[in-house]
Structure formats: C-alpha cells, structure tokens
Amino acid sequence: MRILLLRHAETEWNRQRRFQGWQDSPLSATGREQAASAARLLATTSLAAVWSSPQPRARETAVLLAAPHGLPVREAEAFKEMNFGSWEGLTRDEVARRFPAELAAWAETPERARWPGAESLATVRDRALAGLGELRREHKGQTVCLVSHGITSRILILDALGLGLARLWSLQLSSTGISELELRDDWTTLHRMNSSLHLADIALA
C-alpha cells in the first residue's frame, strides 16, 4: 500500500509557537490556504480512503483533502499527537523558563525525556504503529491519505526507515508537507519527504 502522510495545516498556536499536544487551536488563515492548496494538488490522485487523527486541527485539514474525492474522513485515536502534559498551551519561551532541564533533554535525547503528564515517545510509537498495522490490513494494495501531527508523523517515517526515536529531530515536517510511503511485506520505500511545492505561493509568517 501507499500512504500519503501529511502534517495538519498551520494553527494559531503554531504561529505563536505554543505546544499543542492533545489540546487544540483553530487553523489560521494561512493554514486554511495550505490545506486548500494541498487538496488541489492531490485532487487527481486516486485515493481509497482519507484517515485522520480525531483532533480538530487534523480533521479540518483532512476534510478539505477528502472533499475533491467525495470521501468521508475516517478517524483513528492511534494517530493523535503526543500528549505534552504540563507544556500544553505554553510557548517555547515559557517552557524554557519553567522546565529548562526537561526542555534540554527533549532537544538532546528526546527518546528519554520525561516531564509531568507527558507521554513518552515509546508510548506514541506503540499506538501509532498499531494504527498503521490496522491501515495495512484494511487497505492492502491501495493508496490512502493520512493526516496526523508533527511528532506522530516523524515517528511513522523513522520506523519506515528503520531509525530509532533518538533520530526524531533528523526530520523536518512542515504544515501540510507531504511524505509518501510505500509499504510492502518485506520492505518500505520513502518516495517523498515533506514535499511542499504546493505551498510556494502561500505567504508564511
């Protein structure tokens, strides 16, 4: 099967550099443009299904992507963003003041970082890979679109490449950046990584 994996479009909290996690904020005006542009790009791609994290920012993005295909958006809890616990709603500067050691660990050894209320990367990986297994069983030989989040999407790509969680920051994922994975029984190929050509004419703040 093939998966077109997108990070959700830009939100107001993305613009403010706030940690979102399991909380949410609406798509920004730029985010809505990003999603619409991605939808136009993928409109001629034959999709069997459009899947999404149930979080509003991902679902809103997915609805725009699914519309040209006349497909419903299917949701799976497995593809939610990492729960950032006590960091959610805080800007990066606020986290740096309140949790300096934990933020340093998140930057340097993310696979071992811990702070109050947050999921570990290993927990996110386990649920995301379980969700991926369900998609593979249901959509063998098909192409599907999946809208998820920055950390969750990175983890799915790292696993496809056989890389560990320590390499989390080796990947950059832009809002509505498109990555394409081909998954077979014996190997996986990454055909596209964070393609953002559809964003060329959108002004980013």
C-alpha atoms as a PDB file:
ATOM      1  CA  MET A   1       0.000   0.000   0.000  1.00  0.00           C
ATOM      2  CA  ARG A   2       0.938   3.649  -0.274  1.00  0.00           C
ATOM      3  CA  ILE A   3       0.356   6.274   2.385  1.00  0.00           C
ATOM      4  CA  LEU A   4       0.354   9.982   1.641  1.00  0.00           C
ATOM      5  CA  LEU A   5       1.215  11.301   5.099  1.00  0.00           C
ATOM      6  CA  LEU A   6       0.551  14.949   5.892  1.00  0.00           C
ATOM      7  CA  ARG A   7       1.050  17.023   8.970  1.00  0.00           C
ATOM      8  CA  HIS A   8      -2.058  19.136   9.676  1.00  0.00           C
ATOM      9  CA  ALA A   9      -2.203  22.714   8.408  1.00  0.00           C
ATOM     10  CA  GLU A  10      -0.925  25.650  10.463  1.00  0.00           C
ATOM     11  CA  THR A  11      -2.904  26.636  13.557  1.00  0.00           C
ATOM     12  CA  GLU A  12      -2.995  29.822  15.607  1.00  0.00           C
ATOM     13  CA  TRP A  13      -0.907  28.119  18.297  1.00  0.00           C
ATOM     14  CA  ASN A  14       1.653  27.061  15.691  1.00  0.00           C
ATOM     15  CA  ARG A  15       2.028  30.732  14.805  1.00  0.00           C
ATOM     16  CA  GLN A  16       2.507  31.564  18.480  1.00  0.00           C
ATOM     17  CA  ARG A  17       4.975  28.675  18.960  1.00  0.00           C
ATOM     18  CA  ARG A  18       2.827  27.041  21.614  1.00  0.00           C
ATOM     19  CA  PHE A  19       2.874  23.338  22.433  1.00  0.00           C
ATOM     20  CA  GLN A  20      -0.465  21.844  21.413  1.00  0.00           C
ATOM     21  CA  GLY A  21      -0.391  18.118  22.088  1.00  0.00           C
ATOM     22  CA  TRP A  22      -3.881  16.926  22.975  1.00  0.00           C
ATOM     23  CA  GLN A  23      -5.207  20.468  23.213  1.00  0.00           C
ATOM     24  CA  ASP A  24      -6.207  22.295  20.082  1.00  0.00           C
ATOM     25  CA  SER A  25      -6.468  25.651  18.388  1.00  0.00           C
ATOM     26  CA  PRO A  26      -8.183  26.542  15.097  1.00  0.00           C
ATOM     27  CA  LEU A  27      -6.443  26.594  11.756  1.00  0.00           C
ATOM     28  CA  SER A  28      -5.062  30.012  10.914  1.00  0.00           C
ATOM     29  CA  ALA A  29      -5.999  31.785   7.683  1.00  0.00           C
ATOM     30  CA  THR A  30      -2.668  30.634   6.289  1.00  0.00           C
ATOM     31  CA  GLY A  31      -3.430  27.102   7.452  1.00  0.00           C
ATOM     32  CA  ARG A  32      -6.705  27.045   5.560  1.00  0.00           C
ATOM     33  CA  GLU A  33      -4.859  28.179   2.443  1.00  0.00           C
ATOM     34  CA  GLN A  34      -2.270  25.433   2.957  1.00  0.00           C
ATOM     35  CA  ALA A  35      -4.932  22.744   3.265  1.00  0.00           C
ATOM     36  CA  ALA A  36      -6.822  24.011   0.225  1.00  0.00           C
ATOM     37  CA  SER A  37      -3.629  24.057  -1.828  1.00  0.00           C
ATOM     38  CA  ALA A  38      -2.730  20.514  -0.766  1.00  0.00           C
ATOM     39  CA  ALA A  39      -6.259  19.415  -1.671  1.00  0.00           C
ATOM     40  CA  ARG A  40      -5.869  20.840  -5.168  1.00  0.00           C
ATOM     41  CA  LEU A  41      -2.549  19.048  -5.608  1.00  0.00           C
ATOM     42  CA  LEU A  42      -3.947  15.680  -4.508  1.00  0.00           C
ATOM     43  CA  ALA A  43      -7.295  16.035  -6.289  1.00  0.00           C
ATOM     44  CA  THR A  44      -6.120  13.903  -9.235  1.00  0.00           C
ATOM     45  CA  THR A  45      -4.546  11.204  -7.046  1.00  0.00           C
ATOM     46  CA  SER A  46      -6.688   8.087  -6.726  1.00  0.00           C
ATOM     47  CA  LEU A  47      -7.349   7.603  -3.012  1.00  0.00           C
ATOM     48  CA  ALA A  48      -9.139   4.665  -1.421  1.00  0.00           C
ATOM     49  CA  ALA A  49      -9.614   6.492   1.896  1.00  0.00           C
ATOM     50  CA  VAL A  50      -8.709   9.574   3.896  1.00  0.00           C
ATOM     51  CA  TRP A  51      -7.763   8.944   7.510  1.00  0.00           C
ATOM     52  CA  SER A  52      -7.127  11.465  10.255  1.00  0.00           C
ATOM     53  CA  SER A  53      -6.266  11.955  13.851  1.00  0.00           C
ATOM     54  CA  PRO A  54      -9.545  12.859  15.629  1.00  0.00           C
ATOM     55  CA  GLN A  55      -8.093  16.169  16.808  1.00  0.00           C
ATOM     56  CA  PRO A  56      -9.895  19.144  15.212  1.00  0.00           C
ATOM     57  CA  ARG A  57      -6.840  20.667  13.520  1.00  0.00           C
ATOM     58  CA  ALA A  58      -6.086  17.380  11.761  1.00  0.00           C
ATOM     59  CA  ARG A  59      -9.712  16.607  10.955  1.00  0.00           C
ATOM     60  CA  GLU A  60     -10.331  20.079   9.494  1.00  0.00           C
ATOM     61  CA  THR A  61      -7.308  19.594   7.234  1.00  0.00           C
ATOM     62  CA  ALA A  62      -8.462  16.108   6.260  1.00  0.00           C
ATOM     63  CA  VAL A  63     -11.988  17.251   5.385  1.00  0.00           C
ATOM     64  CA  LEU A  64     -10.572  19.688   2.820  1.00  0.00           C
ATOM     65  CA  LEU A  65      -8.323  16.973   1.369  1.00  0.00           C
ATOM     66  CA  ALA A  66     -11.171  14.458   1.155  1.00  0.00           C
ATOM     67  CA  ALA A  67     -13.723  16.785  -0.474  1.00  0.00           C
ATOM     68  CA  PRO A  68     -12.483  16.519  -4.100  1.00  0.00           C
ATOM     69  CA  HIS A  69     -12.665  12.728  -3.818  1.00  0.00           C
ATOM     70  CA  GLY A  70     -16.135  12.613  -2.266  1.00  0.00           C
ATOM     71  CA  LEU A  71     -14.699  10.564   0.604  1.00  0.00           C
ATOM     72  CA  PRO A  72     -15.629  10.671   4.292  1.00  0.00           C
ATOM     73  CA  VAL A  73     -12.873  11.280   6.795  1.00  0.00           C
ATOM     74  CA  ARG A  74     -12.157   8.260   8.949  1.00  0.00           C
ATOM     75  CA  GLU A  75     -10.611   8.856  12.369  1.00  0.00           C
ATOM     76  CA  ALA A  76      -8.226   6.818  14.494  1.00  0.00           C
ATOM     77  CA  GLU A  77      -7.064   7.677  18.019  1.00  0.00           C
ATOM     78  CA  ALA A  78      -3.761   5.973  17.216  1.00  0.00           C
ATOM     79  CA  PHE A  79      -2.670   8.950  15.120  1.00  0.00           C
ATOM     80  CA  LYS A  80      -3.233  11.678  17.733  1.00  0.00           C
ATOM     81  CA  GLU A  81      -0.364  13.967  18.600  1.00  0.00           C
ATOM     82  CA  MET A  82       1.887  13.218  21.535  1.00  0.00           C
ATOM     83  CA  ASN A  83       0.397  14.355  24.851  1.00  0.00           C
ATOM     84  CA  PHE A  84       2.727  17.135  26.033  1.00  0.00           C
ATOM     85  CA  GLY A  85       1.253  17.215  29.539  1.00  0.00           C
ATOM     86  CA  SER A  86       2.134  20.329  31.531  1.00  0.00           C
ATOM     87  CA  TRP A  87       3.678  22.003  28.494  1.00  0.00           C
ATOM     88  CA  GLU A  88       0.421  22.239  26.552  1.00  0.00           C
ATOM     89  CA  GLY A  89      -0.671  25.797  25.864  1.00  0.00           C
ATOM     90  CA  LEU A  90       2.740  27.205  26.807  1.00  0.00           C
ATOM     91  CA  THR A  91       5.087  28.934  24.385  1.00  0.00           C
ATOM     92  CA  ARG A  92       8.572  27.564  23.932  1.00  0.00           C
ATOM     93  CA  ASP A  93       9.974  30.520  25.877  1.00  0.00           C
ATOM     94  CA  GLU A  94       7.619  29.779  28.780  1.00  0.00           C
ATOM     95  CA  VAL A  95       8.653  26.118  28.793  1.00  0.00           C
ATOM     96  CA  ALA A  96      12.313  27.146  28.715  1.00  0.00           C
ATOM     97  CA  ARG A  97      11.791  29.240  31.862  1.00  0.00           C
ATOM     98  CA  ARG A  98       9.706  26.690  33.786  1.00  0.00           C
ATOM     99  CA  PHE A  99      11.225  23.400  32.601  1.00  0.00           C
ATOM    100  CA  PRO A 100      14.780  24.170  31.445  1.00  0.00           C
ATOM    101  CA  ALA A 101      16.256  20.734  32.169  1.00  0.00           C
ATOM    102  CA  GLU A 102      13.344  18.872  30.631  1.00  0.00           C
ATOM    103  CA  LEU A 103      13.376  21.058  27.511  1.00  0.00           C
ATOM    104  CA  ALA A 104      17.108  20.470  27.116  1.00  0.00           C
ATOM    105  CA  ALA A 105      16.528  16.714  27.351  1.00  0.00           C
ATOM    106  CA  TRP A 106      13.725  16.968  24.767  1.00  0.00           C
ATOM    107  CA  ALA A 107      16.142  18.671  22.383  1.00  0.00           C
ATOM    108  CA  GLU A 108      19.123  16.393  23.017  1.00  0.00           C
ATOM    109  CA  THR A 109      17.740  12.971  23.971  1.00  0.00           C
ATOM    110  CA  PRO A 110      14.027  13.050  23.097  1.00  0.00           C
ATOM    111  CA  GLU A 111      13.652   9.287  23.483  1.00  0.00           C
ATOM    112  CA  ARG A 112      14.449   9.614  27.208  1.00  0.00           C
ATOM    113  CA  ALA A 113      12.806  12.965  28.013  1.00  0.00           C
ATOM    114  CA  ARG A 114      10.137  12.984  30.737  1.00  0.00           C
ATOM    115  CA  TRP A 115       8.048  15.720  32.347  1.00  0.00           C
ATOM    116  CA  PRO A 116       4.710  15.876  34.227  1.00  0.00           C
ATOM    117  CA  GLY A 117       1.724  14.476  32.361  1.00  0.00           C
ATOM    118  CA  ALA A 118       3.528  13.852  29.072  1.00  0.00           C
ATOM    119  CA  GLU A 119       3.543  10.679  27.015  1.00  0.00           C
ATOM    120  CA  SER A 120       6.872   9.087  26.256  1.00  0.00           C
ATOM    121  CA  LEU A 121       7.926   8.774  22.640  1.00  0.00           C
ATOM    122  CA  ALA A 122       7.840   4.996  23.059  1.00  0.00           C
ATOM    123  CA  THR A 123       4.155   5.159  24.007  1.00  0.00           C
ATOM    124  CA  VAL A 124       3.348   7.324  20.992  1.00  0.00           C
ATOM    125  CA  ARG A 125       5.291   4.926  18.758  1.00  0.00           C
ATOM    126  CA  ASP A 126       3.413   1.899  20.070  1.00  0.00           C
ATOM    127  CA  ARG A 127      -0.034   3.347  19.409  1.00  0.00           C
ATOM    128  CA  ALA A 128       0.917   4.875  16.055  1.00  0.00           C
ATOM    129  CA  LEU A 129       2.386   1.601  14.775  1.00  0.00           C
ATOM    130  CA  ALA A 130      -0.657  -0.301  15.986  1.00  0.00           C
ATOM    131  CA  GLY A 131      -2.810   2.100  13.978  1.00  0.00           C
ATOM    132  CA  LEU A 132      -0.567   1.682  10.952  1.00  0.00           C
ATOM    133  CA  GLY A 133      -0.978  -2.078  11.217  1.00  0.00           C
ATOM    134  CA  GLU A 134      -4.752  -1.657  11.033  1.00  0.00           C
ATOM    135  CA  LEU A 135      -4.447   0.529   7.932  1.00  0.00           C
ATOM    136  CA  ARG A 136      -2.202  -2.025   6.257  1.00  0.00           C
ATOM    137  CA  ARG A 137      -4.651  -4.823   6.915  1.00  0.00           C
ATOM    138  CA  GLU A 138      -7.624  -2.842   5.628  1.00  0.00           C
ATOM    139  CA  HIS A 139      -6.024  -1.137   2.618  1.00  0.00           C
ATOM    140  CA  LYS A 140      -3.638  -3.705   1.160  1.00  0.00           C
ATOM    141  CA  GLY A 141      -2.649  -2.640  -2.359  1.00  0.00           C
ATOM    142  CA  GLN A 142      -4.400   0.748  -2.062  1.00  0.00           C
ATOM    143  CA  THR A 143      -3.355   4.380  -1.692  1.00  0.00           C
ATOM    144  CA  VAL A 144      -4.622   6.270   1.337  1.00  0.00           C
ATOM    145  CA  CYS A 145      -4.101   9.752   2.742  1.00  0.00           C
ATOM    146  CA  LEU A 146      -3.367  10.137   6.458  1.00  0.00           C
ATOM    147  CA  VAL A 147      -3.419  13.487   8.268  1.00  0.00           C
ATOM    148  CA  SER A 148      -1.562  13.414  11.560  1.00  0.00           C
ATOM    149  CA  HIS A 149       0.813  15.587  13.601  1.00  0.00           C
ATOM    150  CA  GLY A 150       4.436  16.615  13.819  1.00  0.00           C
ATOM    151  CA  ILE A 151       5.715  14.096  16.359  1.00  0.00           C
ATOM    152  CA  THR A 152       3.436  11.215  15.373  1.00  0.00           C
ATOM    153  CA  SER A 153       4.278  11.592  11.685  1.00  0.00           C
ATOM    154  CA  ARG A 154       8.005  11.761  12.389  1.00  0.00           C
ATOM    155  CA  ILE A 155       7.746   8.502  14.314  1.00  0.00           C
ATOM    156  CA  LEU A 156       5.952   6.741  11.454  1.00  0.00           C
ATOM    157  CA  ILE A 157       8.631   7.864   8.996  1.00  0.00           C
ATOM    158  CA  LEU A 158      11.507   6.928  11.316  1.00  0.00           C
ATOM    159  CA  ASP A 159      10.077   3.440  11.739  1.00  0.00           C
ATOM    160  CA  ALA A 160       9.693   3.054   7.968  1.00  0.00           C
ATOM    161  CA  LEU A 161      13.357   3.961   7.557  1.00  0.00           C
ATOM    162  CA  GLY A 162      14.487   1.648  10.343  1.00  0.00           C
ATOM    163  CA  LEU A 163      15.668   4.535  12.507  1.00  0.00           C
ATOM    164  CA  GLY A 164      15.216   4.876  16.257  1.00  0.00           C
ATOM    165  CA  LEU A 165      13.467   7.536  18.303  1.00  0.00           C
ATOM    166  CA  ALA A 166      16.787   9.215  19.075  1.00  0.00           C
ATOM    167  CA  ARG A 167      16.730  10.474  15.469  1.00  0.00           C
ATOM    168  CA  LEU A 168      13.466  12.393  15.968  1.00  0.00           C
ATOM    169  CA  TRP A 169      14.967  15.757  15.075  1.00  0.00           C
ATOM    170  CA  SER A 170      16.615  14.422  11.907  1.00  0.00           C
ATOM    171  CA  LEU A 171      13.307  15.058  10.140  1.00  0.00           C
ATOM    172  CA  GLN A 172      11.571  18.350   9.424  1.00  0.00           C
ATOM    173  CA  LEU A 173       7.831  18.301   8.723  1.00  0.00           C
ATOM    174  CA  SER A 174       6.117  21.459   7.510  1.00  0.00           C
ATOM    175  CA  SER A 175       2.417  22.156   7.856  1.00  0.00           C
ATOM    176  CA  THR A 176       0.719  20.082   5.083  1.00  0.00           C
ATOM    177  CA  GLY A 177       4.114  18.814   3.937  1.00  0.00           C
ATOM    178  CA  ILE A 178       3.530  15.578   2.000  1.00  0.00           C
ATOM    179  CA  SER A 179       5.532  12.420   2.619  1.00  0.00           C
ATOM    180  CA  GLU A 180       4.849   9.263   0.622  1.00  0.00           C
ATOM    181  CA  LEU A 181       5.494   5.778   1.972  1.00  0.00           C
ATOM    182  CA  GLU A 182       5.210   2.548   0.003  1.00  0.00           C
ATOM    183  CA  LEU A 183       4.787  -0.371   2.378  1.00  0.00           C
ATOM    184  CA  ARG A 184       5.281  -3.956   1.264  1.00  0.00           C
ATOM    185  CA  ASP A 185       5.519  -7.139   3.296  1.00  0.00           C
ATOM    186  CA  ASP A 186       9.312  -7.220   3.099  1.00  0.00           C
ATOM    187  CA  TRP A 187      10.383  -3.576   2.762  1.00  0.00           C
ATOM    188  CA  THR A 188       9.318   0.068   2.821  1.00  0.00           C
ATOM    189  CA  THR A 189      10.309   2.875   0.456  1.00  0.00           C
ATOM    190  CA  LEU A 190      10.105   6.594   1.164  1.00  0.00           C
ATOM    191  CA  HIS A 191       9.174   8.174  -2.184  1.00  0.00           C
ATOM    192  CA  ARG A 192       8.629  11.739  -0.961  1.00  0.00           C
ATOM    193  CA  MET A 193       9.686  13.518   2.196  1.00  0.00           C
ATOM    194  CA  ASN A 194       7.956  16.723   3.340  1.00  0.00           C
ATOM    195  CA  SER A 195       7.193  17.888  -0.207  1.00  0.00           C
ATOM    196  CA  SER A 196       5.921  21.462  -0.033  1.00  0.00           C
ATOM    197  CA  LEU A 197       5.773  22.609  -3.666  1.00  0.00           C
ATOM    198  CA  HIS A 198       2.069  23.343  -3.204  1.00  0.00           C
ATOM    199  CA  LEU A 199       2.977  25.987  -0.638  1.00  0.00           C
ATOM    200  CA  ALA A 200       5.237  28.014  -2.932  1.00  0.00           C
ATOM    201  CA  ASP A 201       2.690  30.808  -3.442  1.00  0.00           C
ATOM    202  CA  ILE A 202       1.455  30.961   0.158  1.00  0.00           C
ATOM    203  CA  ALA A 203       2.974  33.655   2.333  1.00  0.00           C
ATOM    204  CA  LEU A 204       4.265  32.145   5.570  1.00  0.00           C
ATOM    205  CA  ALA A 205       4.677  34.300   8.652  1.00  0.00           C
END
